[in-house]
Amino acid sequence: MKPVNSDDLRASYRKFFLLFALLLTFSVTSVYFYFLTSDREITLLDQKVKESDRLISIRNQINGDLELIVQRLQDLSAFTKMSSTERNNQSMLLNDIQDANQHIKGIIQQNKLPLKSFEFYQKLSDHVAAAAVVKDSLFTTRFQIESARAQLNLCQQANNAAVARLRGRFGR
């Protein structure tokens, strides 16, 4: 004995299994793409972390060079007399400043990134060279002033000695 609605029942089961298979396929595909997306997201985040670490390393190098430059500029201010030893030391300090500045410029040129900090470092690097030249010029000017003062003192002493001799001969 056959049920009256067996064709409808069979069609409903087919429709149910087809929709169930379609839903199961959609669910498995969604889960697959979810994990695929999360793996891709992790890869992108890892690349960003590596780039950030690289930028931090570059900034640390530049900051180290800037600290060296500041220290050398302070050491450059300590010179007071014009002797060959101090002049050699001053020349070495200026070379250290120039080398550190060139290192900073090289790092900036290798990393053409549109970041404000690198623009700041570029401007700072440009001003460091000018500051070193000014420090050297101030030292040279100070030496010239001291040299002129010493010559003036010698002239004044010679003049006083001449006045004393003239008074000694003609002042009697």
N, C-alpha and C. Protein backbone atom coordinates (compact mmCIF):
# COMPACT_ATOMS: atom_id res chain seq x y z
N MET A 1 0.81 -1.15 0.00
CA MET A 1 0.00 0.00 0.00
C MET A 1 0.88 1.24 0.00
N LYS A 2 0.62 2.10 -0.94
CA LYS A 2 1.39 3.32 -1.13
C LYS A 2 0.67 4.50 -0.52
N PRO A 3 1.50 5.41 0.09
CA PRO A 3 0.84 6.61 0.61
C PRO A 3 0.38 7.51 -0.54
N VAL A 4 -0.59 8.30 -0.29
CA VAL A 4 -1.20 9.16 -1.29
C VAL A 4 -0.25 10.28 -1.72
N ASN A 5 0.50 10.80 -0.81
CA ASN A 5 1.36 11.95 -1.10
C ASN A 5 2.82 11.55 -1.22
N SER A 6 3.12 10.34 -1.67
CA SER A 6 4.51 9.88 -1.76
C SER A 6 5.33 10.72 -2.74
N ASP A 7 4.77 11.18 -3.81
CA ASP A 7 5.52 12.04 -4.75
C ASP A 7 5.87 13.38 -4.11
N ASP A 8 4.94 13.92 -3.38
CA ASP A 8 5.21 15.19 -2.68
C ASP A 8 6.25 14.99 -1.59
N LEU A 9 6.12 13.85 -0.91
CA LEU A 9 7.08 13.56 0.16
C LEU A 9 8.49 13.38 -0.41
N ARG A 10 8.62 12.64 -1.51
CA ARG A 10 9.91 12.43 -2.15
C ARG A 10 10.48 13.77 -2.66
N ALA A 11 9.70 14.60 -3.25
CA ALA A 11 10.15 15.91 -3.74
C ALA A 11 10.58 16.79 -2.56
N SER A 12 9.88 16.69 -1.46
CA SER A 12 10.24 17.49 -0.28
C SER A 12 11.58 17.02 0.30
N TYR A 13 11.77 15.66 0.33
CA TYR A 13 13.06 15.15 0.82
C TYR A 13 14.20 15.58 -0.10
N ARG A 14 14.00 15.50 -1.40
CA ARG A 14 15.04 15.95 -2.34
C ARG A 14 15.34 17.43 -2.14
N LYS A 15 14.30 18.20 -2.03
CA LYS A 15 14.49 19.65 -1.82
C LYS A 15 15.21 19.90 -0.50
N PHE A 16 14.85 19.14 0.56
CA PHE A 16 15.50 19.31 1.85
C PHE A 16 16.98 18.96 1.77
N PHE A 17 17.31 17.79 1.17
CA PHE A 17 18.71 17.38 1.06
C PHE A 17 19.51 18.32 0.17
N LEU A 18 18.89 18.81 -0.88
CA LEU A 18 19.58 19.77 -1.75
C LEU A 18 19.86 21.07 -1.01
N LEU A 19 18.88 21.59 -0.31
CA LEU A 19 19.08 22.81 0.46
C LEU A 19 20.05 22.59 1.62
N PHE A 20 19.98 21.41 2.26
CA PHE A 20 20.91 21.09 3.34
C PHE A 20 22.35 21.03 2.81
N ALA A 21 22.54 20.38 1.67
CA ALA A 21 23.88 20.29 1.06
C ALA A 21 24.37 21.67 0.66
N LEU A 22 23.49 22.49 0.11
CA LEU A 22 23.85 23.85 -0.26
C LEU A 22 24.23 24.67 0.97
N LEU A 23 23.46 24.56 2.03
CA LEU A 23 23.75 25.27 3.27
C LEU A 23 25.05 24.77 3.89
N LEU A 24 25.28 23.47 3.87
CA LEU A 24 26.52 22.89 4.41
C LEU A 24 27.72 23.36 3.60
N THR A 25 27.60 23.39 2.29
CA THR A 25 28.68 23.88 1.42
C THR A 25 28.95 25.35 1.69
N PHE A 26 27.90 26.14 1.82
CA PHE A 26 28.07 27.57 2.13
C PHE A 26 28.76 27.76 3.49
N SER A 27 28.37 26.97 4.49
CA SER A 27 28.97 27.09 5.83
C SER A 27 30.44 26.72 5.80
N VAL A 28 30.76 25.62 5.13
CA VAL A 28 32.17 25.18 5.06
C VAL A 28 32.99 26.22 4.28
N THR A 29 32.45 26.74 3.21
CA THR A 29 33.14 27.77 2.42
C THR A 29 33.35 29.03 3.25
N SER A 30 32.36 29.42 4.01
CA SER A 30 32.48 30.61 4.87
C SER A 30 33.57 30.42 5.91
N VAL A 31 33.60 29.26 6.54
CA VAL A 31 34.63 28.98 7.55
C VAL A 31 36.01 28.96 6.88
N TYR A 32 36.10 28.36 5.71
CA TYR A 32 37.38 28.31 4.98
C TYR A 32 37.87 29.73 4.67
N PHE A 33 37.00 30.58 4.14
CA PHE A 33 37.40 31.95 3.81
C PHE A 33 37.69 32.77 5.07
N TYR A 34 37.01 32.47 6.16
CA TYR A 34 37.30 33.16 7.43
C TYR A 34 38.74 32.87 7.85
N PHE A 35 39.13 31.61 7.83
CA PHE A 35 40.49 31.26 8.24
C PHE A 35 41.52 31.75 7.22
N LEU A 36 41.16 31.72 5.94
CA LEU A 36 42.06 32.24 4.91
C LEU A 36 42.27 33.74 5.11
N THR A 37 41.21 34.47 5.42
CA THR A 37 41.30 35.91 5.65
C THR A 37 42.10 36.21 6.91
N SER A 38 41.89 35.44 7.95
CA SER A 38 42.65 35.69 9.18
C SER A 38 44.14 35.40 8.96
N ASP A 39 44.47 34.39 8.18
CA ASP A 39 45.89 34.14 7.86
C ASP A 39 46.48 35.29 7.06
N ARG A 40 45.72 35.79 6.12
CA ARG A 40 46.19 36.93 5.32
C ARG A 40 46.34 38.17 6.20
N GLU A 41 45.41 38.36 7.12
CA GLU A 41 45.47 39.49 8.03
C GLU A 41 46.69 39.39 8.94
N ILE A 42 46.99 38.20 9.41
CA ILE A 42 48.17 37.98 10.24
C ILE A 42 49.43 38.27 9.44
N THR A 43 49.45 37.85 8.20
CA THR A 43 50.61 38.13 7.34
C THR A 43 50.80 39.63 7.14
N LEU A 44 49.71 40.34 6.88
CA LEU A 44 49.79 41.79 6.72
C LEU A 44 50.23 42.47 8.01
N LEU A 45 49.71 42.04 9.13
CA LEU A 45 50.12 42.62 10.42
C LEU A 45 51.58 42.33 10.71
N ASP A 46 52.04 41.15 10.35
CA ASP A 46 53.45 40.80 10.54
C ASP A 46 54.34 41.70 9.68
N GLN A 47 53.91 41.98 8.46
CA GLN A 47 54.68 42.89 7.60
C GLN A 47 54.71 44.29 8.20
N LYS A 48 53.59 44.74 8.74
CA LYS A 48 53.55 46.07 9.37
C LYS A 48 54.47 46.12 10.59
N VAL A 49 54.49 45.05 11.38
CA VAL A 49 55.35 45.00 12.56
C VAL A 49 56.81 45.04 12.14
N LYS A 50 57.16 44.30 11.09
CA LYS A 50 58.55 44.31 10.60
C LYS A 50 58.93 45.69 10.09
N GLU A 51 58.02 46.35 9.39
CA GLU A 51 58.28 47.70 8.89
C GLU A 51 58.44 48.68 10.05
N SER A 52 57.59 48.53 11.06
CA SER A 52 57.71 49.40 12.25
C SER A 52 59.02 49.15 12.98
N ASP A 53 59.43 47.90 13.10
CA ASP A 53 60.71 47.58 13.74
C ASP A 53 61.87 48.17 12.95
N ARG A 54 61.78 48.11 11.63
CA ARG A 54 62.82 48.68 10.77
C ARG A 54 62.89 50.19 10.96
N LEU A 55 61.74 50.85 11.01
CA LEU A 55 61.71 52.30 11.22
C LEU A 55 62.24 52.67 12.60
N ILE A 56 61.91 51.88 13.60
CA ILE A 56 62.43 52.14 14.95
C ILE A 56 63.94 51.99 14.95
N SER A 57 64.44 50.98 14.27
CA SER A 57 65.89 50.78 14.19
C SER A 57 66.57 51.96 13.49
N ILE A 58 65.96 52.43 12.41
CA ILE A 58 66.52 53.58 11.68
C ILE A 58 66.50 54.82 12.57
N ARG A 59 65.40 55.04 13.26
CA ARG A 59 65.30 56.21 14.14
C ARG A 59 66.32 56.13 15.27
N ASN A 60 66.53 54.92 15.79
CA ASN A 60 67.53 54.75 16.86
C ASN A 60 68.93 55.06 16.34
N GLN A 61 69.23 54.64 15.10
CA GLN A 61 70.54 54.96 14.51
C GLN A 61 70.70 56.47 14.36
N ILE A 62 69.67 57.11 13.85
CA ILE A 62 69.73 58.56 13.64
C ILE A 62 69.84 59.28 14.98
N ASN A 63 69.07 58.84 15.97
CA ASN A 63 69.14 59.47 17.29
C ASN A 63 70.51 59.28 17.92
N GLY A 64 71.11 58.11 17.73
CA GLY A 64 72.46 57.87 18.23
C GLY A 64 73.47 58.81 17.58
N ASP A 65 73.34 58.99 16.26
CA ASP A 65 74.23 59.91 15.56
C ASP A 65 74.02 61.35 16.03
N LEU A 66 72.77 61.72 16.25
CA LEU A 66 72.48 63.08 16.74
C LEU A 66 73.05 63.30 18.14
N GLU A 67 72.97 62.28 18.98
CA GLU A 67 73.56 62.40 20.32
C GLU A 67 75.08 62.56 20.22
N LEU A 68 75.69 61.82 19.30
CA LEU A 68 77.13 61.95 19.08
C LEU A 68 77.48 63.37 18.61
N ILE A 69 76.65 63.90 17.72
CA ILE A 69 76.89 65.25 17.21
C ILE A 69 76.77 66.27 18.34
N VAL A 70 75.74 66.13 19.16
CA VAL A 70 75.56 67.07 20.29
C VAL A 70 76.75 66.99 21.23
N GLN A 71 77.20 65.78 21.52
CA GLN A 71 78.35 65.61 22.41
C GLN A 71 79.61 66.24 21.80
N ARG A 72 79.80 66.03 20.51
CA ARG A 72 80.98 66.60 19.84
C ARG A 72 80.91 68.12 19.80
N LEU A 73 79.72 68.66 19.61
CA LEU A 73 79.58 70.12 19.62
C LEU A 73 79.87 70.68 21.00
N GLN A 74 79.45 69.98 22.04
CA GLN A 74 79.76 70.42 23.40
C GLN A 74 81.26 70.33 23.66
N ASP A 75 81.89 69.25 23.18
CA ASP A 75 83.34 69.12 23.34
C ASP A 75 84.06 70.21 22.56
N LEU A 76 83.50 70.58 21.42
CA LEU A 76 84.11 71.63 20.59
C LEU A 76 84.09 72.97 21.31
N SER A 77 83.10 73.20 22.14
CA SER A 77 83.00 74.46 22.88
C SER A 77 84.03 74.55 24.00
N ALA A 78 84.62 73.42 24.38
CA ALA A 78 85.54 73.40 25.51
C ALA A 78 86.93 73.94 25.17
N PHE A 79 87.25 74.06 23.89
CA PHE A 79 88.58 74.53 23.52
C PHE A 79 88.72 76.02 23.79
N THR A 80 89.85 76.39 24.39
CA THR A 80 90.04 77.79 24.76
C THR A 80 91.31 78.38 24.16
N LYS A 81 92.30 77.57 23.90
CA LYS A 81 93.57 78.08 23.39
C LYS A 81 93.83 77.51 22.01
N MET A 82 94.61 78.26 21.27
CA MET A 82 94.92 77.84 19.92
C MET A 82 96.29 77.18 19.95
N SER A 83 96.28 75.87 20.10
CA SER A 83 97.54 75.13 20.03
C SER A 83 97.34 74.02 18.99
N SER A 84 98.45 73.44 18.59
CA SER A 84 98.34 72.41 17.55
C SER A 84 97.56 71.20 18.04
N THR A 85 97.70 70.86 19.30
CA THR A 85 96.97 69.71 19.86
C THR A 85 95.48 69.99 19.86
N GLU A 86 95.11 71.18 20.34
CA GLU A 86 93.68 71.52 20.37
C GLU A 86 93.13 71.64 18.95
N ARG A 87 93.93 72.17 18.06
CA ARG A 87 93.49 72.31 16.67
C ARG A 87 93.26 70.93 16.05
N ASN A 88 94.16 69.97 16.34
CA ASN A 88 93.98 68.60 15.85
C ASN A 88 92.74 67.96 16.46
N ASN A 89 92.57 68.16 17.77
CA ASN A 89 91.37 67.62 18.43
C ASN A 89 90.10 68.25 17.86
N GLN A 90 90.17 69.54 17.62
CA GLN A 90 89.01 70.24 17.04
C GLN A 90 88.73 69.70 15.64
N SER A 91 89.76 69.48 14.88
CA SER A 91 89.59 68.93 13.53
C SER A 91 88.98 67.53 13.59
N MET A 92 89.42 66.72 14.54
CA MET A 92 88.85 65.37 14.70
C MET A 92 87.38 65.44 15.10
N LEU A 93 87.05 66.37 16.00
CA LEU A 93 85.66 66.53 16.41
C LEU A 93 84.79 66.98 15.24
N LEU A 94 85.30 67.92 14.45
CA LEU A 94 84.55 68.37 13.26
C LEU A 94 84.37 67.23 12.26
N ASN A 95 85.39 66.39 12.11
CA ASN A 95 85.27 65.23 11.22
C ASN A 95 84.25 64.24 11.75
N ASP A 96 84.23 64.02 13.08
CA ASP A 96 83.22 63.14 13.68
C ASP A 96 81.82 63.68 13.43
N ILE A 97 81.67 64.99 13.60
CA ILE A 97 80.37 65.62 13.36
C ILE A 97 79.96 65.45 11.90
N GLN A 98 80.89 65.68 10.99
CA GLN A 98 80.58 65.57 9.57
C GLN A 98 80.27 64.12 9.19
N ASP A 99 81.03 63.16 9.74
CA ASP A 99 80.76 61.75 9.43
C ASP A 99 79.39 61.32 9.94
N ALA A 100 79.06 61.72 11.17
CA ALA A 100 77.74 61.38 11.72
C ALA A 100 76.63 62.03 10.91
N ASN A 101 76.86 63.25 10.49
CA ASN A 101 75.86 63.97 9.69
C ASN A 101 75.69 63.29 8.32
N GLN A 102 76.80 62.88 7.70
CA GLN A 102 76.71 62.18 6.42
C GLN A 102 76.00 60.83 6.58
N HIS A 103 76.25 60.17 7.71
CA HIS A 103 75.57 58.90 7.98
C HIS A 103 74.06 59.12 8.08
N ILE A 104 73.67 60.18 8.77
CA ILE A 104 72.23 60.51 8.88
C ILE A 104 71.65 60.80 7.50
N LYS A 105 72.35 61.60 6.71
CA LYS A 105 71.84 61.92 5.36
C LYS A 105 71.75 60.67 4.49
N GLY A 106 72.72 59.77 4.62
CA GLY A 106 72.68 58.52 3.86
C GLY A 106 71.49 57.66 4.25
N ILE A 107 71.22 57.58 5.54
CA ILE A 107 70.06 56.79 6.01
C ILE A 107 68.77 57.40 5.47
N ILE A 108 68.68 58.71 5.52
CA ILE A 108 67.45 59.38 5.05
C ILE A 108 67.27 59.18 3.55
N GLN A 109 68.37 59.24 2.79
CA GLN A 109 68.25 59.06 1.34
C GLN A 109 67.90 57.62 0.97
N GLN A 110 68.35 56.66 1.77
CA GLN A 110 68.01 55.26 1.50
C GLN A 110 66.55 54.98 1.80
N ASN A 111 65.99 55.69 2.74
CA ASN A 111 64.61 55.45 3.16
C ASN A 111 63.74 56.63 2.79
N LYS A 112 63.31 56.66 1.57
CA LYS A 112 62.45 57.73 1.08
C LYS A 112 61.02 57.46 1.52
N LEU A 113 60.75 57.75 2.78
CA LEU A 113 59.41 57.57 3.32
C LEU A 113 58.79 58.93 3.59
N PRO A 114 57.53 59.09 3.25
CA PRO A 114 56.87 60.39 3.46
C PRO A 114 56.43 60.57 4.91
N LEU A 115 57.38 60.47 5.83
CA LEU A 115 57.06 60.65 7.24
C LEU A 115 57.60 61.98 7.72
N LYS A 116 56.86 62.63 8.59
CA LYS A 116 57.27 63.94 9.12
C LYS A 116 58.56 63.84 9.91
N SER A 117 58.76 62.73 10.60
CA SER A 117 59.98 62.60 11.41
C SER A 117 61.22 62.59 10.52
N PHE A 118 61.13 61.96 9.34
CA PHE A 118 62.28 61.94 8.45
C PHE A 118 62.52 63.31 7.83
N GLU A 119 61.45 64.07 7.61
CA GLU A 119 61.63 65.46 7.15
C GLU A 119 62.31 66.28 8.24
N PHE A 120 61.91 66.05 9.48
CA PHE A 120 62.54 66.73 10.61
C PHE A 120 64.02 66.37 10.70
N TYR A 121 64.32 65.08 10.57
CA TYR A 121 65.73 64.65 10.61
C TYR A 121 66.52 65.28 9.47
N GLN A 122 65.91 65.41 8.30
CA GLN A 122 66.60 66.03 7.16
C GLN A 122 66.91 67.49 7.45
N LYS A 123 65.93 68.22 7.99
CA LYS A 123 66.16 69.63 8.32
C LYS A 123 67.20 69.76 9.42
N LEU A 124 67.13 68.90 10.41
CA LEU A 124 68.10 68.91 11.50
C LEU A 124 69.51 68.62 10.98
N SER A 125 69.61 67.69 10.07
CA SER A 125 70.90 67.34 9.48
C SER A 125 71.48 68.52 8.69
N ASP A 126 70.61 69.24 8.00
CA ASP A 126 71.08 70.41 7.26
C ASP A 126 71.61 71.49 8.22
N HIS A 127 70.96 71.64 9.35
CA HIS A 127 71.37 72.67 10.31
C HIS A 127 72.60 72.28 11.12
N VAL A 128 72.87 70.98 11.23
CA VAL A 128 74.04 70.52 11.97
C VAL A 128 75.32 70.99 11.29
N ALA A 129 75.36 70.87 9.97
CA ALA A 129 76.55 71.31 9.25
C ALA A 129 76.78 72.80 9.46
N ALA A 130 75.72 73.57 9.40
CA ALA A 130 75.85 75.01 9.62
C ALA A 130 76.32 75.30 11.04
N ALA A 131 75.80 74.56 12.02
CA ALA A 131 76.20 74.78 13.41
C ALA A 131 77.67 74.45 13.61
N ALA A 132 78.16 73.39 12.98
CA ALA A 132 79.57 73.02 13.11
C ALA A 132 80.46 74.09 12.50
N VAL A 133 80.05 74.63 11.37
CA VAL A 133 80.84 75.69 10.73
C VAL A 133 80.85 76.93 11.61
N VAL A 134 79.71 77.27 12.21
CA VAL A 134 79.63 78.43 13.10
C VAL A 134 80.51 78.22 14.32
N LYS A 135 80.47 77.02 14.91
CA LYS A 135 81.32 76.73 16.08
C LYS A 135 82.79 76.89 15.71
N ASP A 136 83.19 76.36 14.55
CA ASP A 136 84.58 76.47 14.11
C ASP A 136 84.93 77.93 13.86
N SER A 137 84.02 78.66 13.25
CA SER A 137 84.25 80.08 12.98
C SER A 137 84.38 80.87 14.28
N LEU A 138 83.52 80.55 15.26
CA LEU A 138 83.60 81.24 16.56
C LEU A 138 84.93 80.96 17.25
N PHE A 139 85.39 79.73 17.16
CA PHE A 139 86.68 79.39 17.76
C PHE A 139 87.80 80.16 17.08
N THR A 140 87.77 80.21 15.75
CA THR A 140 88.80 80.95 15.00
C THR A 140 88.74 82.43 15.32
N THR A 141 87.54 82.98 15.40
CA THR A 141 87.37 84.40 15.73
C THR A 141 87.87 84.67 17.14
N ARG A 142 87.55 83.79 18.08
CA ARG A 142 88.03 83.95 19.44
C ARG A 142 89.56 83.94 19.47
N PHE A 143 90.16 83.05 18.69
CA PHE A 143 91.63 83.00 18.63
C PHE A 143 92.17 84.30 18.04
N GLN A 144 91.52 84.80 16.99
CA GLN A 144 91.99 86.05 16.36
C GLN A 144 91.88 87.21 17.34
N ILE A 145 90.78 87.23 18.11
CA ILE A 145 90.61 88.30 19.11
C ILE A 145 91.70 88.19 20.18
N GLU A 146 91.94 86.98 20.67
CA GLU A 146 92.98 86.79 21.68
C GLU A 146 94.36 87.13 21.12
N SER A 147 94.61 86.79 19.87
CA SER A 147 95.88 87.11 19.23
C SER A 147 96.05 88.62 19.10
N ALA A 148 94.98 89.30 18.67
CA ALA A 148 95.04 90.77 18.54
C ALA A 148 95.22 91.42 19.92
N ARG A 149 94.56 90.86 20.95
CA ARG A 149 94.70 91.39 22.30
C ARG A 149 96.14 91.21 22.79
N ALA A 150 96.71 90.06 22.52
CA ALA A 150 98.10 89.81 22.94
C ALA A 150 99.05 90.76 22.21
N GLN A 151 98.82 90.96 20.91
CA GLN A 151 99.67 91.89 20.15
C GLN A 151 99.51 93.31 20.67
N LEU A 152 98.28 93.70 21.01
CA LEU A 152 98.03 95.03 21.55
C LEU A 152 98.73 95.19 22.90
N ASN A 153 98.68 94.17 23.74
CA ASN A 153 99.38 94.23 25.03
C ASN A 153 100.89 94.34 24.82
N LEU A 154 101.42 93.60 23.86
CA LEU A 154 102.86 93.70 23.57
C LEU A 154 103.22 95.10 23.07
N CYS A 155 102.38 95.66 22.21
CA CYS A 155 102.62 97.02 21.71
C CYS A 155 102.56 98.03 22.86
N GLN A 156 101.59 97.84 23.74
CA GLN A 156 101.45 98.75 24.88
C GLN A 156 102.67 98.63 25.80
N GLN A 157 103.14 97.43 26.03
CA GLN A 157 104.33 97.25 26.86
C GLN A 157 105.55 97.88 26.20
N ALA A 158 105.68 97.69 24.89
CA ALA A 158 106.81 98.29 24.17
C ALA A 158 106.72 99.81 24.22
N ASN A 159 105.50 100.33 24.06
CA ASN A 159 105.28 101.77 24.12
C ASN A 159 105.61 102.31 25.52
N ASN A 160 105.16 101.62 26.57
CA ASN A 160 105.46 102.04 27.94
C ASN A 160 106.97 102.00 28.21
N ALA A 161 107.62 100.98 27.68
CA ALA A 161 109.07 100.88 27.86
C ALA A 161 109.77 102.03 27.15
N ALA A 162 109.29 102.37 25.94
CA ALA A 162 109.89 103.48 25.20
C ALA A 162 109.64 104.79 25.93
N VAL A 163 108.46 104.99 26.48
CA VAL A 163 108.15 106.20 27.23
C VAL A 163 109.04 106.29 28.45
N ALA A 164 109.23 105.17 29.13
CA ALA A 164 110.08 105.16 30.32
C ALA A 164 111.53 105.51 29.96
N ARG A 165 112.03 105.01 28.85
CA ARG A 165 113.40 105.35 28.43
C ARG A 165 113.52 106.82 28.06
N LEU A 166 112.50 107.29 27.33
CA LEU A 166 112.55 108.69 26.92
C LEU A 166 112.48 109.60 28.14
N ARG A 167 111.69 109.28 29.12
CA ARG A 167 111.62 110.08 30.33
C ARG A 167 112.94 110.01 31.11
N GLY A 168 113.53 108.81 31.03
CA GLY A 168 114.80 108.67 31.73
C GLY A 168 115.90 109.51 31.12
N ARG A 169 115.91 109.65 29.82
CA ARG A 169 116.95 110.44 29.16
C ARG A 169 116.64 111.93 29.21
N PHE A 170 115.41 112.26 28.86
CA PHE A 170 115.07 113.67 28.73
C PHE A 170 114.37 114.24 29.96
N GLY A 171 113.93 113.38 30.88
CA GLY A 171 113.19 113.85 32.03
C GLY A 171 114.08 114.32 33.16
N ARG A 172 115.31 114.24 33.11
CA ARG A 172 116.19 114.64 34.21
C ARG A 172 116.22 116.05 34.41
